[in-house]
Amino acid sequence: MKNVIKNFYAPANLLLDPNYGGEYAWAYNIIKGISNYFKIIAITGKLRGDINNAVVIETGITKRDFVNISLFFFKYI
């Protein structure tokens, strides 16, 4: 049997940044820590940094970034 862990982080327009501080670093550190044990698929606005064992889908960090959001739906759904 395969071990699976699912986590949902919202909103998807969030910036994941280990150096920015606050909520941005907090979410980054959680995803990076979990990726040490499980393969992660993370949907986020923008990633600054590197997370091993993770597929990161970036949708854009502005409300007007409809192109990336549209590409996300057509590519991954």
N, C-alpha and C. Protein backbone atom coordinates (compact mmCIF):
# COMPACT_ATOMS: atom_id res chain seq x y z
N MET A 1 0.84 -1.18 0.00
CA MET A 1 0.00 0.00 0.00
C MET A 1 0.89 1.25 0.00
N LYS A 2 0.51 2.22 -0.78
CA LYS A 2 1.29 3.43 -0.93
C LYS A 2 0.85 4.48 0.10
N ASN A 3 1.82 5.09 0.77
CA ASN A 3 1.51 6.15 1.72
C ASN A 3 1.26 7.45 0.98
N VAL A 4 0.19 8.11 1.33
CA VAL A 4 -0.16 9.37 0.68
C VAL A 4 -0.51 10.38 1.76
N ILE A 5 -0.02 11.58 1.61
CA ILE A 5 -0.41 12.67 2.49
C ILE A 5 -0.89 13.81 1.61
N LYS A 6 -2.01 14.40 1.97
CA LYS A 6 -2.55 15.51 1.19
C LYS A 6 -2.67 16.73 2.10
N ASN A 7 -2.17 17.84 1.62
CA ASN A 7 -2.28 19.11 2.32
C ASN A 7 -2.79 20.14 1.33
N PHE A 8 -3.58 21.06 1.82
CA PHE A 8 -4.10 22.10 0.96
C PHE A 8 -3.70 23.45 1.55
N TYR A 9 -3.04 24.25 0.77
CA TYR A 9 -2.66 25.59 1.18
C TYR A 9 -3.38 26.58 0.29
N ALA A 10 -4.04 27.54 0.87
CA ALA A 10 -4.77 28.54 0.12
C ALA A 10 -4.40 29.91 0.68
N PRO A 11 -4.41 30.95 -0.07
CA PRO A 11 -4.80 31.03 -1.47
C PRO A 11 -3.66 30.63 -2.40
N ALA A 12 -4.02 30.32 -3.61
CA ALA A 12 -3.03 29.88 -4.60
C ALA A 12 -2.18 31.04 -5.12
N ASN A 13 -2.54 32.28 -4.77
CA ASN A 13 -1.73 33.41 -5.22
C ASN A 13 -0.67 33.77 -4.18
N LEU A 14 -0.38 32.87 -3.26
CA LEU A 14 0.58 33.11 -2.20
C LEU A 14 2.01 33.03 -2.73
N LEU A 15 2.87 33.85 -2.18
CA LEU A 15 4.30 33.82 -2.47
C LEU A 15 4.97 32.90 -1.46
N LEU A 16 5.74 31.93 -1.94
CA LEU A 16 6.53 31.07 -1.06
C LEU A 16 7.98 31.53 -1.14
N ASP A 17 8.48 32.06 -0.03
CA ASP A 17 9.81 32.64 -0.03
C ASP A 17 10.47 32.39 1.33
N PRO A 18 11.61 31.68 1.37
CA PRO A 18 12.24 31.40 2.65
C PRO A 18 12.90 32.62 3.29
N ASN A 19 13.14 33.66 2.53
CA ASN A 19 13.87 34.82 3.04
C ASN A 19 12.98 36.03 3.31
N TYR A 20 11.71 35.97 2.93
CA TYR A 20 10.84 37.14 3.04
C TYR A 20 10.29 37.30 4.45
N GLY A 21 10.09 36.18 5.15
CA GLY A 21 9.61 36.24 6.52
C GLY A 21 8.10 36.14 6.62
N GLY A 22 7.64 35.96 7.83
CA GLY A 22 6.21 35.90 8.09
C GLY A 22 5.52 34.71 7.45
N GLU A 23 4.34 34.96 6.93
CA GLU A 23 3.52 33.90 6.35
C GLU A 23 4.18 33.25 5.14
N TYR A 24 4.95 34.01 4.38
CA TYR A 24 5.59 33.46 3.19
C TYR A 24 6.63 32.40 3.55
N ALA A 25 7.46 32.68 4.55
CA ALA A 25 8.47 31.72 4.98
C ALA A 25 7.83 30.56 5.73
N TRP A 26 6.78 30.83 6.48
CA TRP A 26 6.09 29.79 7.24
C TRP A 26 5.55 28.71 6.30
N ALA A 27 4.84 29.11 5.25
CA ALA A 27 4.29 28.14 4.29
C ALA A 27 5.42 27.42 3.55
N TYR A 28 6.46 28.13 3.18
CA TYR A 28 7.62 27.52 2.50
C TYR A 28 8.25 26.44 3.37
N ASN A 29 8.46 26.74 4.64
CA ASN A 29 9.11 25.79 5.55
C ASN A 29 8.25 24.55 5.79
N ILE A 30 6.94 24.71 5.85
CA ILE A 30 6.05 23.55 6.01
C ILE A 30 6.16 22.64 4.79
N ILE A 31 6.05 23.22 3.60
CA ILE A 31 6.11 22.41 2.38
C ILE A 31 7.48 21.76 2.23
N LYS A 32 8.54 22.51 2.52
CA LYS A 32 9.88 21.94 2.42
C LYS A 32 10.10 20.81 3.43
N GLY A 33 9.58 20.97 4.63
CA GLY A 33 9.72 19.93 5.65
C GLY A 33 8.97 18.66 5.29
N ILE A 34 7.75 18.80 4.80
CA ILE A 34 6.96 17.63 4.40
C ILE A 34 7.58 16.94 3.20
N SER A 35 8.20 17.72 2.31
CA SER A 35 8.80 17.12 1.11
C SER A 35 10.02 16.26 1.43
N ASN A 36 10.53 16.35 2.64
CA ASN A 36 11.62 15.45 3.05
C ASN A 36 11.13 14.01 3.20
N TYR A 37 9.83 13.84 3.40
CA TYR A 37 9.26 12.52 3.64
C TYR A 37 8.29 12.05 2.56
N PHE A 38 7.66 13.00 1.86
CA PHE A 38 6.65 12.68 0.86
C PHE A 38 6.88 13.51 -0.39
N LYS A 39 6.42 13.00 -1.52
CA LYS A 39 6.44 13.79 -2.75
C LYS A 39 5.31 14.81 -2.66
N ILE A 40 5.60 16.03 -3.01
CA ILE A 40 4.66 17.13 -2.86
C ILE A 40 4.28 17.68 -4.23
N ILE A 41 3.01 18.00 -4.40
CA ILE A 41 2.54 18.81 -5.52
C ILE A 41 1.99 20.08 -4.88
N ALA A 42 2.65 21.20 -5.11
CA ALA A 42 2.26 22.46 -4.50
C ALA A 42 1.75 23.41 -5.57
N ILE A 43 0.61 24.01 -5.32
CA ILE A 43 0.05 25.03 -6.21
C ILE A 43 0.19 26.36 -5.47
N THR A 44 0.93 27.26 -6.06
CA THR A 44 1.21 28.53 -5.39
C THR A 44 1.31 29.64 -6.42
N GLY A 45 1.31 30.86 -5.94
CA GLY A 45 1.44 31.99 -6.84
C GLY A 45 2.83 32.10 -7.41
N LYS A 46 3.84 32.08 -6.54
CA LYS A 46 5.23 32.24 -6.97
C LYS A 46 6.13 31.57 -5.94
N LEU A 47 7.14 30.87 -6.41
CA LEU A 47 8.12 30.22 -5.54
C LEU A 47 9.46 30.90 -5.73
N ARG A 48 10.04 31.33 -4.63
CA ARG A 48 11.41 31.83 -4.62
C ARG A 48 12.21 30.91 -3.72
N GLY A 49 13.10 30.16 -4.30
CA GLY A 49 13.85 29.17 -3.56
C GLY A 49 13.73 27.83 -4.26
N ASP A 50 14.17 26.78 -3.59
CA ASP A 50 14.15 25.45 -4.19
C ASP A 50 13.60 24.46 -3.18
N ILE A 51 12.69 23.62 -3.62
CA ILE A 51 12.13 22.57 -2.78
C ILE A 51 12.35 21.25 -3.50
N ASN A 52 13.16 20.38 -2.91
CA ASN A 52 13.41 19.06 -3.50
C ASN A 52 12.21 18.16 -3.29
N ASN A 53 12.04 17.19 -4.18
CA ASN A 53 10.97 16.20 -4.10
C ASN A 53 9.60 16.87 -4.19
N ALA A 54 9.50 17.94 -4.96
CA ALA A 54 8.23 18.65 -5.09
C ALA A 54 8.04 19.13 -6.52
N VAL A 55 6.80 19.07 -6.96
CA VAL A 55 6.39 19.68 -8.22
C VAL A 55 5.64 20.94 -7.83
N VAL A 56 6.12 22.09 -8.25
CA VAL A 56 5.51 23.36 -7.88
C VAL A 56 4.85 23.96 -9.11
N ILE A 57 3.57 24.21 -9.00
CA ILE A 57 2.79 24.82 -10.08
C ILE A 57 2.54 26.27 -9.68
N GLU A 58 3.05 27.20 -10.47
CA GLU A 58 2.91 28.62 -10.17
C GLU A 58 1.78 29.22 -11.00
N THR A 59 0.84 29.90 -10.33
CA THR A 59 -0.29 30.52 -11.03
C THR A 59 -0.13 32.02 -11.19
N GLY A 60 0.83 32.62 -10.53
CA GLY A 60 1.01 34.07 -10.60
C GLY A 60 0.55 34.70 -9.30
N ILE A 61 1.12 35.85 -8.95
CA ILE A 61 0.82 36.46 -7.67
C ILE A 61 -0.07 37.69 -7.78
N THR A 62 -0.51 38.03 -8.96
CA THR A 62 -1.42 39.16 -9.10
C THR A 62 -2.79 38.66 -9.53
N LYS A 63 -3.81 39.42 -9.18
CA LYS A 63 -5.17 39.02 -9.53
C LYS A 63 -5.39 39.05 -11.04
N ARG A 64 -4.57 39.76 -11.76
CA ARG A 64 -4.75 39.89 -13.21
C ARG A 64 -3.94 38.88 -14.00
N ASP A 65 -3.35 37.93 -13.36
CA ASP A 65 -2.52 36.94 -14.05
C ASP A 65 -3.39 35.79 -14.56
N PHE A 66 -4.36 36.12 -15.39
CA PHE A 66 -5.32 35.14 -15.90
C PHE A 66 -4.68 34.14 -16.86
N VAL A 67 -3.62 34.53 -17.53
CA VAL A 67 -2.97 33.63 -18.49
C VAL A 67 -2.42 32.41 -17.77
N ASN A 68 -1.69 32.61 -16.68
CA ASN A 68 -1.14 31.48 -15.94
C ASN A 68 -2.22 30.63 -15.31
N ILE A 69 -3.27 31.26 -14.80
CA ILE A 69 -4.36 30.50 -14.20
C ILE A 69 -5.05 29.66 -15.27
N SER A 70 -5.26 30.22 -16.45
CA SER A 70 -5.88 29.46 -17.54
C SER A 70 -4.99 28.30 -17.96
N LEU A 71 -3.69 28.54 -18.07
CA LEU A 71 -2.77 27.47 -18.42
C LEU A 71 -2.80 26.36 -17.38
N PHE A 72 -2.92 26.73 -16.12
CA PHE A 72 -3.00 25.73 -15.06
C PHE A 72 -4.20 24.80 -15.29
N PHE A 73 -5.36 25.37 -15.55
CA PHE A 73 -6.55 24.54 -15.73
C PHE A 73 -6.44 23.64 -16.95
N PHE A 74 -5.91 24.16 -18.05
CA PHE A 74 -5.81 23.35 -19.25
C PHE A 74 -4.69 22.30 -19.16
N LYS A 75 -3.65 22.58 -18.40
CA LYS A 75 -2.51 21.68 -18.34
C LYS A 75 -2.67 20.59 -17.27
N TYR A 76 -3.26 20.92 -16.14
CA TYR A 76 -3.26 19.99 -15.01
C TYR A 76 -4.62 19.42 -14.65
N ILE A 77 -5.67 19.95 -15.21
CA ILE A 77 -7.01 19.43 -14.87
C ILE A 77 -7.61 18.70 -16.05
